[in-house]
Structure formats: C-alpha cells, structure tokens
Amino acid sequence: MVPFKRANQSIELLDGFMNTIDQGMVIFKEGIKNYLFGKRENFLDNLRTLSNLETEADITKRKIEQLLYTQSLMPQLRGDILRLLEDLDNIIDLAKTNLFQFDVEVPFIPAELNQDLIKLAELSCNAVESVIPASRAYFRDPESVKEKIHRVYLYEKEADKLADAIKRKVFQEMPDLKLSEKFHLRYFTLHIEILSDAAERAADLLAIMAIKRTV
C-alpha cells in the first residue's frame, strides 16, 4: 500500500507541476499584452505572479526528484522523467526571465507591431500549452503522445514564420526607426518566440520517451 501511496503522491506532484507551467503561459501572454498597451501596474502584477509560479515550479520539481530517487519510483524511466522535468522547468524560467527583460530594458515598440507581437505570444504559448497534455499522456497513455505533440510542431512553425515576418517588417518597412531600435525589436521578438523553441525541444524528448515505453 505504501509504494502505491507514494506513486500517487508523485503523480499529484507531476500534475501540479504541469498546471504551474500552464498557468505561467497564461500570465506571460497577459504580461506581453499589458506591456504593449502601457498598462504598467497590470504588467508588474503579471511579472510578480510569474516569478511566484516559477519559484513554485522549482520547488515542486525538487520534490518530484527527491521522490524518484529516495523511493525508487519508476527507476527504469527515472532518467527520462528528470530530463523532461528539466525541459519543462526551463520553459517557465525562460518566460519569467524574458518578461523581466521588458521591465529592465523598456523597449520602444511601435503600436503597429502590437497585434503581431500579441499573436506571436499566443502561438509560442500555444506550443507550450500543447506540450502539457502530451506530458500527462506519457504517464497515462504513452501511445497517444505522438498525436498530441503534433500540435506543438504546428505552433512552433507558425511562431517561426510570424517572428520572421515581424523582423522583416521592422528592418524593411519601418524606415523611421533607428538601427538600434530595430536591433532591440529583433531581440524582443526573439524573447517571445524562444518559448516555442523550448516547447519543441520538450516535444522531441517526449517523442523518444514514448517510443521507449511502447516498443
């Protein structure tokens, strides 16, 4: 009974960890939108919330790691699970760090780019949000992982295309901007886009992990 109870505890922690990542993406999108529309207090509130979620994710990750090691749970899968946890934790770390950079550097963003950047944030976060059900499926129904991660790749490709279009617009269609401002806009476009790249890396790992469990 005790091993079963410990296994249940680890599954509850994993669910909580993934919920935290999911919530982080919602807050990241809100933070980008609030920054673009000059809602400073709301943006700072988003930043505080995301920082708290990132701390919560770190604490939960360490609890899961401790359970996996000390209780000898799923020893044959432990290495892969730890790598997945690290990849997912890295996503919320990136989200917090990148949103924080908006507060530190205060980039000037022309209003005509607002909708493109909001859409980019949605696509990047959609890629991450698609990794969450795929990660859950790994523990419950590994055969369904492949169909679930398909959406991650779709959103990542769309985010890449939109980020390229934004950068082209900045460098080729906005002659009134200084070159330094164009570089800054490229840099902050990358800050948003990079979440989808991190989601893709997690999806790649999940694909391999699922194959190992189903062969």
Protein backbone atom coordinates (compact mmCIF):
# COMPACT_ATOMS: atom_id res chain seq x y z
CA MET A 1 0.00 0.00 0.00
CA VAL A 2 2.83 2.42 0.83
CA PRO A 3 4.51 2.21 -2.63
CA PHE A 4 1.09 2.80 -4.24
CA LYS A 5 0.55 5.82 -1.99
CA ARG A 6 3.97 7.19 -2.93
CA ALA A 7 3.29 6.63 -6.62
CA ASN A 8 0.02 8.55 -6.26
CA GLN A 9 1.89 11.34 -4.47
CA SER A 10 4.38 11.63 -7.34
CA ILE A 11 1.56 11.75 -9.90
CA GLU A 12 -0.18 14.51 -7.92
CA LEU A 13 3.07 16.47 -7.80
CA LEU A 14 3.59 15.99 -11.54
CA ASP A 15 0.06 17.24 -12.23
CA GLY A 16 0.65 20.25 -10.01
CA PHE A 17 3.97 20.97 -11.71
CA MET A 18 2.41 20.89 -15.17
CA ASN A 19 -0.51 23.05 -14.01
CA THR A 20 2.02 25.63 -12.83
CA ILE A 21 3.74 25.68 -16.25
CA ASP A 22 0.34 26.05 -17.91
CA GLN A 23 -0.63 28.96 -15.64
CA GLY A 24 2.73 30.58 -16.35
CA MET A 25 1.96 30.72 -20.06
CA VAL A 26 -1.37 32.46 -19.41
CA ILE A 27 0.38 35.06 -17.27
CA PHE A 28 3.19 35.53 -19.83
CA LYS A 29 0.65 36.29 -22.58
CA GLU A 30 -1.15 38.76 -20.32
CA GLY A 31 2.16 40.38 -19.40
CA ILE A 32 3.11 40.93 -23.04
CA LYS A 33 -0.30 42.41 -23.81
CA ASN A 34 -0.24 44.69 -20.77
CA TYR A 35 3.25 45.93 -21.62
CA LEU A 36 2.28 46.70 -25.22
CA PHE A 37 -0.79 48.66 -24.17
CA GLY A 38 1.03 50.58 -21.45
CA LYS A 39 -0.82 49.01 -18.52
CA ARG A 40 2.16 49.30 -16.21
CA GLU A 41 0.57 48.18 -12.92
CA ASN A 42 -1.06 45.17 -14.54
CA PHE A 43 2.24 44.28 -16.21
CA LEU A 44 4.12 44.46 -12.88
CA ASP A 45 1.44 42.28 -11.30
CA ASN A 46 1.92 39.74 -14.11
CA LEU A 47 5.66 39.82 -13.52
CA ARG A 48 5.24 39.16 -9.79
CA THR A 49 2.78 36.34 -10.42
CA LEU A 50 5.04 34.70 -13.00
CA SER A 51 8.01 34.96 -10.64
CA ASN A 52 5.98 33.22 -7.92
CA LEU A 53 4.89 30.50 -10.34
CA GLU A 54 8.49 29.94 -11.44
CA THR A 55 9.53 29.52 -7.79
CA GLU A 56 6.61 27.15 -7.19
CA ALA A 57 7.62 25.06 -10.22
CA ASP A 58 11.22 24.83 -8.96
CA ILE A 59 10.08 23.67 -5.51
CA THR A 60 7.71 21.07 -6.97
CA LYS A 61 10.38 19.81 -9.36
CA ARG A 62 12.78 19.23 -6.46
CA LYS A 63 10.07 17.35 -4.54
CA ILE A 64 9.45 15.08 -7.54
CA GLU A 65 13.17 14.47 -7.98
CA GLN A 66 13.53 13.58 -4.32
CA LEU A 67 10.63 11.13 -4.51
CA LEU A 68 12.01 9.48 -7.64
CA TYR A 69 15.40 8.96 -6.01
CA THR A 70 14.55 8.18 -2.40
CA GLN A 71 11.52 5.94 -3.03
CA SER A 72 12.97 4.15 -6.09
CA LEU A 73 9.88 5.00 -8.12
CA MET A 74 9.95 4.14 -11.84
CA PRO A 75 13.73 3.50 -11.79
CA GLN A 76 13.84 2.43 -15.45
CA LEU A 77 12.17 5.69 -16.51
CA ARG A 78 13.80 7.99 -13.98
CA GLY A 79 16.46 9.50 -16.27
CA ASP A 80 13.96 10.42 -18.98
CA ILE A 81 11.47 11.83 -16.48
CA LEU A 82 14.16 14.01 -14.90
CA ARG A 83 15.16 15.36 -18.32
CA LEU A 84 11.52 16.13 -19.12
CA LEU A 85 11.12 17.95 -15.82
CA GLU A 86 14.23 19.99 -16.58
CA ASP A 87 12.95 20.92 -20.06
CA LEU A 88 9.54 21.96 -18.73
CA ASP A 89 11.05 23.89 -15.84
CA ASN A 90 13.34 25.67 -18.29
CA ILE A 91 10.25 26.93 -20.17
CA ILE A 92 8.79 28.78 -17.19
CA ASP A 93 12.28 30.04 -16.28
CA LEU A 94 12.57 31.50 -19.78
CA ALA A 95 9.11 33.05 -19.56
CA LYS A 96 9.94 34.80 -16.29
CA THR A 97 13.39 35.93 -17.44
CA ASN A 98 12.14 37.23 -20.77
CA LEU A 99 9.18 39.11 -19.31
CA PHE A 100 11.56 40.60 -16.74
CA GLN A 101 13.72 41.94 -19.59
CA PHE A 102 10.79 44.03 -20.80
CA ASP A 103 10.75 45.69 -17.38
CA VAL A 104 14.53 46.17 -17.29
CA GLU A 105 15.18 47.44 -20.83
CA VAL A 106 11.79 49.08 -21.53
CA PRO A 107 11.91 48.58 -25.32
CA PHE A 108 10.13 51.08 -27.53
CA ILE A 109 7.59 49.13 -29.56
CA PRO A 110 5.59 50.95 -32.27
CA ALA A 111 1.84 50.45 -31.86
CA GLU A 112 1.61 49.00 -35.38
CA LEU A 113 3.52 45.94 -34.12
CA ASN A 114 1.24 45.30 -31.15
CA GLN A 115 -1.12 42.83 -32.77
CA ASP A 116 1.73 40.89 -34.41
CA LEU A 117 3.56 40.55 -31.11
CA ILE A 118 0.39 39.55 -29.26
CA LYS A 119 -0.22 36.88 -31.89
CA LEU A 120 3.40 35.72 -31.59
CA ALA A 121 2.99 35.39 -27.82
CA GLU A 122 -0.19 33.36 -28.35
CA LEU A 123 1.49 31.00 -30.84
CA SER A 124 4.55 30.49 -28.64
CA CYS A 125 2.44 29.84 -25.56
CA ASN A 126 0.12 27.56 -27.54
CA ALA A 127 3.17 25.44 -28.37
CA VAL A 128 3.99 25.17 -24.67
CA GLU A 129 0.37 24.56 -23.71
CA SER A 130 0.27 21.68 -26.22
CA VAL A 131 3.28 20.05 -24.53
CA ILE A 132 1.38 19.81 -21.23
CA PRO A 133 -1.30 17.27 -22.30
CA ALA A 134 1.38 15.34 -24.19
CA SER A 135 3.45 15.18 -20.99
CA ARG A 136 0.46 14.00 -18.98
CA ALA A 137 -0.30 11.38 -21.65
CA TYR A 138 3.22 9.95 -21.28
CA PHE A 139 2.31 8.71 -17.79
CA ARG A 140 -1.23 7.56 -18.59
CA ASP A 141 -1.41 6.67 -22.29
CA PRO A 142 2.04 6.82 -23.95
CA GLU A 143 0.66 5.65 -27.29
CA SER A 144 -1.29 8.93 -27.61
CA VAL A 145 1.80 11.12 -27.13
CA LYS A 146 2.66 11.21 -30.84
CA GLU A 147 -0.68 12.68 -31.92
CA LYS A 148 -0.62 15.23 -29.10
CA ILE A 149 2.86 16.60 -29.84
CA HIS A 150 1.87 17.19 -33.47
CA ARG A 151 0.25 20.46 -32.33
CA VAL A 152 3.49 21.59 -30.69
CA TYR A 153 5.34 21.41 -34.00
CA LEU A 154 2.50 23.16 -35.81
CA TYR A 155 2.51 26.12 -33.40
CA GLU A 156 6.31 26.28 -33.35
CA LYS A 157 6.45 26.56 -37.15
CA GLU A 158 3.76 29.25 -37.17
CA ALA A 159 5.62 31.18 -34.46
CA ASP A 160 8.83 30.98 -36.51
CA LYS A 161 7.07 32.29 -39.61
CA LEU A 162 5.44 35.17 -37.77
CA ALA A 163 8.68 36.12 -35.99
CA ASP A 164 10.46 36.25 -39.36
CA ALA A 165 7.66 38.41 -40.77
CA ILE A 166 7.91 40.81 -37.81
CA LYS A 167 11.67 41.14 -38.24
CA ARG A 168 11.28 41.77 -41.98
CA LYS A 169 8.70 44.45 -41.29
CA VAL A 170 10.98 46.12 -38.74
CA PHE A 171 14.07 46.15 -40.96
CA GLN A 172 12.44 46.71 -44.36
CA GLU A 173 9.21 48.64 -43.80
CA MET A 174 9.91 50.96 -40.86
CA PRO A 175 12.50 53.47 -42.09
CA ASP A 176 11.80 55.97 -39.29
CA LEU A 177 13.22 53.64 -36.66
CA LYS A 178 16.85 53.94 -35.63
CA LEU A 179 19.03 50.92 -36.33
CA SER A 180 19.49 50.45 -32.56
CA GLU A 181 15.70 50.36 -32.15
CA LYS A 182 15.42 47.77 -34.91
CA PHE A 183 18.01 45.56 -33.21
CA HIS A 184 16.14 45.96 -29.93
CA LEU A 185 12.86 44.93 -31.57
CA ARG A 186 14.51 41.88 -33.12
CA TYR A 187 15.89 40.93 -29.71
CA PHE A 188 12.49 41.19 -28.00
CA THR A 189 10.77 39.31 -30.80
CA LEU A 190 13.22 36.51 -30.05
CA HIS A 191 12.33 36.75 -26.34
CA ILE A 192 8.75 35.84 -27.22
CA GLU A 193 9.48 33.33 -29.98
CA ILE A 194 12.01 31.32 -27.95
CA LEU A 195 9.29 29.77 -25.79
CA SER A 196 8.04 27.82 -28.81
CA ASP A 197 11.57 26.56 -29.46
CA ALA A 198 11.79 25.33 -25.86
CA ALA A 199 8.42 23.61 -26.32
CA GLU A 200 9.74 21.90 -29.45
CA ARG A 201 12.75 20.55 -27.53
CA ALA A 202 10.43 19.12 -24.88
CA ALA A 203 8.26 17.56 -27.61
CA ASP A 204 11.34 15.96 -29.23
CA LEU A 205 12.24 14.39 -25.89
CA LEU A 206 8.66 13.22 -25.29
CA ALA A 207 8.59 11.55 -28.70
CA ILE A 208 11.67 9.48 -27.82
CA MET A 209 10.37 8.72 -24.31
CA ALA A 210 7.04 7.50 -25.67
CA ILE A 211 8.75 5.20 -28.18
CA LYS A 212 10.76 3.63 -25.36
CA ARG A 213 7.59 2.92 -23.40
CA THR A 214 5.60 1.47 -26.29
CA VAL A 215 8.13 -0.79 -28.03
